[in-house]
């Protein structure tokens, strides 16, 4: 087993362009990200002649992708997120950065399209203000090279 990867250098990216020619730039800083896949549903294929249940794979369920970030002091990150509300947009998750500290996804990259919603979450004393980012997927999540 090789050296393991930390969660340092994980980026939520926004694509511009269309089709397979989208280019991606960092959207906002995030502090957490969701699973990029899941186990498929199981379908019961058991017949009366089987001695044990027989299962087949069904579709994979994956709900909205939810990310957490912090509210920046100027509020410009939240404004940028709110400007995307209800607009189908290409997104990506990049893991890895180059020697200049720029996101390059050299460890792994995923892409999908979806419609984003963002809001400030509740908080308390001595806490930073968080922003929840929820992206309702309109395509499947795909690993990209």
C-alpha atoms as a PDB file:
ATOM      1  CA  UNK A   1       0.000   0.000   0.000  1.00  0.00           C
ATOM      2  CA  UNK A   2       1.314   3.434  -0.945  1.00  0.00           C
ATOM      3  CA  UNK A   3       1.347   6.581   1.115  1.00  0.00           C
ATOM      4  CA  UNK A   4      -2.184   7.580   2.121  1.00  0.00           C
ATOM      5  CA  UNK A   5      -3.739  10.895   1.153  1.00  0.00           C
ATOM      6  CA  UNK A   6      -4.953  13.444   3.691  1.00  0.00           C
ATOM      7  CA  UNK A   7      -7.955  15.652   3.123  1.00  0.00           C
ATOM      8  CA  UNK A   8      -5.678  18.644   2.621  1.00  0.00           C
ATOM      9  CA  UNK A   9      -5.983  19.950  -0.900  1.00  0.00           C
ATOM     10  CA  UNK A  10      -9.652  19.108  -1.595  1.00  0.00           C
ATOM     11  CA  UNK A  11     -11.497  21.620  -3.753  1.00  0.00           C
ATOM     12  CA  UNK A  12     -15.044  22.263  -4.976  1.00  0.00           C
ATOM     13  CA  UNK A  13     -14.695  23.413  -8.557  1.00  0.00           C
ATOM     14  CA  UNK A  14     -17.087  25.167 -10.960  1.00  0.00           C
ATOM     15  CA  UNK A  15     -16.909  24.448 -14.652  1.00  0.00           C
ATOM     16  CA  UNK A  16     -17.249  26.839 -17.542  1.00  0.00           C
ATOM     17  CA  UNK A  17     -17.827  25.798 -21.123  1.00  0.00           C
ATOM     18  CA  UNK A  18     -20.042  23.047 -22.457  1.00  0.00           C
ATOM     19  CA  UNK A  19     -19.881  19.394 -23.374  1.00  0.00           C
ATOM     20  CA  UNK A  20     -16.585  17.647 -22.753  1.00  0.00           C
ATOM     21  CA  UNK A  21     -14.664  20.917 -22.997  1.00  0.00           C
ATOM     22  CA  UNK A  22     -15.490  22.352 -19.558  1.00  0.00           C
ATOM     23  CA  UNK A  23     -12.600  23.919 -17.679  1.00  0.00           C
ATOM     24  CA  UNK A  24     -12.740  24.130 -13.900  1.00  0.00           C
ATOM     25  CA  UNK A  25     -11.774  26.790 -11.349  1.00  0.00           C
ATOM     26  CA  UNK A  26     -12.081  26.741  -7.552  1.00  0.00           C
ATOM     27  CA  UNK A  27     -15.548  27.901  -6.513  1.00  0.00           C
ATOM     28  CA  UNK A  28     -15.115  28.379  -2.740  1.00  0.00           C
ATOM     29  CA  UNK A  29     -13.090  26.862   0.079  1.00  0.00           C
ATOM     30  CA  UNK A  30     -14.816  23.907   1.745  1.00  0.00           C
ATOM     31  CA  UNK A  31     -14.361  22.184   5.097  1.00  0.00           C
ATOM     32  CA  UNK A  32     -16.239  18.962   4.307  1.00  0.00           C
ATOM     33  CA  UNK A  33     -17.443  17.023   1.279  1.00  0.00           C
ATOM     34  CA  UNK A  34     -19.872  14.131   0.698  1.00  0.00           C
ATOM     35  CA  UNK A  35     -19.389  10.589  -0.545  1.00  0.00           C
ATOM     36  CA  UNK A  36     -18.842  10.574  -4.306  1.00  0.00           C
ATOM     37  CA  UNK A  37     -20.611   7.233  -4.748  1.00  0.00           C
ATOM     38  CA  UNK A  38     -22.467   4.545  -2.901  1.00  0.00           C
ATOM     39  CA  UNK A  39     -23.534   0.928  -2.846  1.00  0.00           C
ATOM     40  CA  UNK A  40     -26.151  -0.088  -5.414  1.00  0.00           C
ATOM     41  CA  UNK A  41     -29.611  -1.122  -4.295  1.00  0.00           C
ATOM     42  CA  UNK A  42     -30.086  -4.879  -4.090  1.00  0.00           C
ATOM     43  CA  UNK A  43     -32.920  -6.595  -5.905  1.00  0.00           C
ATOM     44  CA  UNK A  44     -34.299  -9.877  -4.621  1.00  0.00           C
ATOM     45  CA  UNK A  45     -34.102 -12.553  -7.308  1.00  0.00           C
ATOM     46  CA  UNK A  46     -34.926 -15.474  -5.016  1.00  0.00           C
ATOM     47  CA  UNK A  47     -37.120 -18.239  -6.380  1.00  0.00           C
ATOM     48  CA  UNK A  48     -38.885 -21.037  -4.535  1.00  0.00           C
ATOM     49  CA  UNK A  49     -36.178 -23.483  -5.629  1.00  0.00           C
ATOM     50  CA  UNK A  50     -33.351 -21.439  -4.038  1.00  0.00           C
ATOM     51  CA  UNK A  51     -32.015 -22.454  -0.614  1.00  0.00           C
ATOM     52  CA  UNK A  52     -30.711 -18.953   0.112  1.00  0.00           C
ATOM     53  CA  UNK A  53     -31.600 -15.472  -1.036  1.00  0.00           C
ATOM     54  CA  UNK A  54     -30.273 -14.483  -4.447  1.00  0.00           C
ATOM     55  CA  UNK A  55     -29.624 -10.804  -5.061  1.00  0.00           C
ATOM     56  CA  UNK A  56     -28.897  -8.694  -8.134  1.00  0.00           C
ATOM     57  CA  UNK A  57     -27.478  -5.186  -8.241  1.00  0.00           C
ATOM     58  CA  UNK A  58     -29.934  -2.378  -8.895  1.00  0.00           C
ATOM     59  CA  UNK A  59     -29.331   1.331  -9.347  1.00  0.00           C
ATOM     60  CA  UNK A  60     -27.049   3.347  -7.112  1.00  0.00           C
ATOM     61  CA  UNK A  61     -28.844   5.931  -5.013  1.00  0.00           C
ATOM     62  CA  UNK A  62     -26.972   9.116  -4.296  1.00  0.00           C
ATOM     63  CA  UNK A  63     -28.893  12.138  -3.095  1.00  0.00           C
ATOM     64  CA  UNK A  64     -27.910  15.790  -3.248  1.00  0.00           C
ATOM     65  CA  UNK A  65     -24.218  16.428  -2.681  1.00  0.00           C
ATOM     66  CA  UNK A  66     -23.727  18.582   0.431  1.00  0.00           C
ATOM     67  CA  UNK A  67     -20.591  20.535   1.238  1.00  0.00           C
ATOM     68  CA  UNK A  68     -19.761  22.803   4.185  1.00  0.00           C
ATOM     69  CA  UNK A  69     -17.753  26.003   4.052  1.00  0.00           C
ATOM     70  CA  UNK A  70     -17.275  29.147   6.120  1.00  0.00           C
ATOM     71  CA  UNK A  71     -18.867  32.536   5.522  1.00  0.00           C
ATOM     72  CA  UNK A  72     -16.152  34.929   4.401  1.00  0.00           C
ATOM     73  CA  UNK A  73     -16.061  38.380   6.017  1.00  0.00           C
ATOM     74  CA  UNK A  74     -17.141  40.195   2.850  1.00  0.00           C
ATOM     75  CA  UNK A  75     -19.934  37.757   1.985  1.00  0.00           C
ATOM     76  CA  UNK A  76     -18.737  37.574  -1.632  1.00  0.00           C
ATOM     77  CA  UNK A  77     -18.403  33.767  -1.581  1.00  0.00           C
ATOM     78  CA  UNK A  78     -22.047  33.425  -0.509  1.00  0.00           C
ATOM     79  CA  UNK A  79     -23.109  35.898  -3.213  1.00  0.00           C
ATOM     80  CA  UNK A  80     -21.214  33.868  -5.832  1.00  0.00           C
ATOM     81  CA  UNK A  81     -22.958  30.699  -4.640  1.00  0.00           C
ATOM     82  CA  UNK A  82     -26.404  32.324  -4.566  1.00  0.00           C
ATOM     83  CA  UNK A  83     -25.894  33.546  -8.163  1.00  0.00           C
ATOM     84  CA  UNK A  84     -25.814  29.878  -9.264  1.00  0.00           C
ATOM     85  CA  UNK A  85     -29.141  28.969  -7.620  1.00  0.00           C
ATOM     86  CA  UNK A  86     -31.355  26.938  -9.963  1.00  0.00           C
ATOM     87  CA  UNK A  87     -28.893  27.043 -12.892  1.00  0.00           C
ATOM     88  CA  UNK A  88     -27.574  23.732 -14.191  1.00  0.00           C
ATOM     89  CA  UNK A  89     -23.818  24.068 -13.791  1.00  0.00           C
ATOM     90  CA  UNK A  90     -20.835  21.731 -14.231  1.00  0.00           C
ATOM     91  CA  UNK A  91     -19.062  21.003 -10.937  1.00  0.00           C
ATOM     92  CA  UNK A  92     -16.053  18.921  -9.940  1.00  0.00           C
ATOM     93  CA  UNK A  93     -14.269  17.760  -6.816  1.00  0.00           C
ATOM     94  CA  UNK A  94     -10.471  17.869  -7.134  1.00  0.00           C
ATOM     95  CA  UNK A  95      -8.172  16.118  -4.671  1.00  0.00           C
ATOM     96  CA  UNK A  96      -4.612  17.335  -4.986  1.00  0.00           C
ATOM     97  CA  UNK A  97      -2.750  20.557  -5.657  1.00  0.00           C
ATOM     98  CA  UNK A  98       0.392  21.402  -7.589  1.00  0.00           C
ATOM     99  CA  UNK A  99       3.644  22.816  -6.157  1.00  0.00           C
ATOM    100  CA  UNK A 100       2.211  26.351  -6.492  1.00  0.00           C
ATOM    101  CA  UNK A 101      -0.757  25.382  -4.292  1.00  0.00           C
ATOM    102  CA  UNK A 102      -3.262  25.480  -7.166  1.00  0.00           C
ATOM    103  CA  UNK A 103      -5.933  22.749  -7.454  1.00  0.00           C
ATOM    104  CA  UNK A 104      -4.957  20.190 -10.081  1.00  0.00           C
ATOM    105  CA  UNK A 105      -6.713  17.009  -8.949  1.00  0.00           C
ATOM    106  CA  UNK A 106      -3.623  14.894  -9.529  1.00  0.00           C
ATOM    107  CA  UNK A 107      -4.800  12.407  -6.880  1.00  0.00           C
ATOM    108  CA  UNK A 108      -8.401  12.057  -8.078  1.00  0.00           C
ATOM    109  CA  UNK A 109     -11.109  14.126  -9.798  1.00  0.00           C
ATOM    110  CA  UNK A 110     -14.889  13.731 -10.087  1.00  0.00           C
ATOM    111  CA  UNK A 111     -17.322  15.712 -12.238  1.00  0.00           C
ATOM    112  CA  UNK A 112     -21.100  16.122 -12.442  1.00  0.00           C
ATOM    113  CA  UNK A 113     -23.738  18.691 -13.324  1.00  0.00           C
ATOM    114  CA  UNK A 114     -26.305  20.026 -10.928  1.00  0.00           C
ATOM    115  CA  UNK A 115     -28.273  22.886  -9.457  1.00  0.00           C
ATOM    116  CA  UNK A 116     -26.819  24.555  -6.381  1.00  0.00           C
ATOM    117  CA  UNK A 117     -28.457  26.013  -3.279  1.00  0.00           C
ATOM    118  CA  UNK A 118     -26.521  27.666  -0.454  1.00  0.00           C
ATOM    119  CA  UNK A 119     -27.472  29.075   2.937  1.00  0.00           C
ATOM    120  CA  UNK A 120     -25.980  30.145   6.256  1.00  0.00           C
ATOM    121  CA  UNK A 121     -26.432  27.488   8.932  1.00  0.00           C
ATOM    122  CA  UNK A 122     -27.204  28.029  12.609  1.00  0.00           C
ATOM    123  CA  UNK A 123     -24.398  28.636  15.055  1.00  0.00           C
ATOM    124  CA  UNK A 124     -23.496  29.429  18.604  1.00  0.00           C
ATOM    125  CA  UNK A 125     -21.049  31.229  20.868  1.00  0.00           C
ATOM    126  CA  UNK A 126     -17.382  31.042  19.862  1.00  0.00           C
ATOM    127  CA  UNK A 127     -18.096  29.394  16.490  1.00  0.00           C
ATOM    128  CA  UNK A 128     -17.310  30.380  12.943  1.00  0.00           C
ATOM    129  CA  UNK A 129     -20.325  30.941  10.697  1.00  0.00           C
ATOM    130  CA  UNK A 130     -20.825  28.048   8.284  1.00  0.00           C
ATOM    131  CA  UNK A 131     -22.401  27.929   4.861  1.00  0.00           C
ATOM    132  CA  UNK A 132     -24.130  24.763   3.616  1.00  0.00           C
ATOM    133  CA  UNK A 133     -23.827  24.070  -0.115  1.00  0.00           C
ATOM    134  CA  UNK A 134     -26.248  21.538  -1.582  1.00  0.00           C
ATOM    135  CA  UNK A 135     -26.042  20.460  -5.211  1.00  0.00           C
ATOM    136  CA  UNK A 136     -28.998  18.549  -6.668  1.00  0.00           C
ATOM    137  CA  UNK A 137     -27.329  16.387  -9.302  1.00  0.00           C
ATOM    138  CA  UNK A 138     -28.713  16.392 -12.847  1.00  0.00           C
ATOM    139  CA  UNK A 139     -26.097  13.879 -14.063  1.00  0.00           C
ATOM    140  CA  UNK A 140     -24.207  11.006 -12.484  1.00  0.00           C
ATOM    141  CA  UNK A 141     -20.920  11.587 -10.683  1.00  0.00           C
ATOM    142  CA  UNK A 142     -18.047  10.422 -12.887  1.00  0.00           C
ATOM    143  CA  UNK A 143     -14.379   9.915 -12.116  1.00  0.00           C
ATOM    144  CA  UNK A 144     -12.270  11.799 -14.658  1.00  0.00           C
ATOM    145  CA  UNK A 145      -8.606  11.681 -15.708  1.00  0.00           C
END
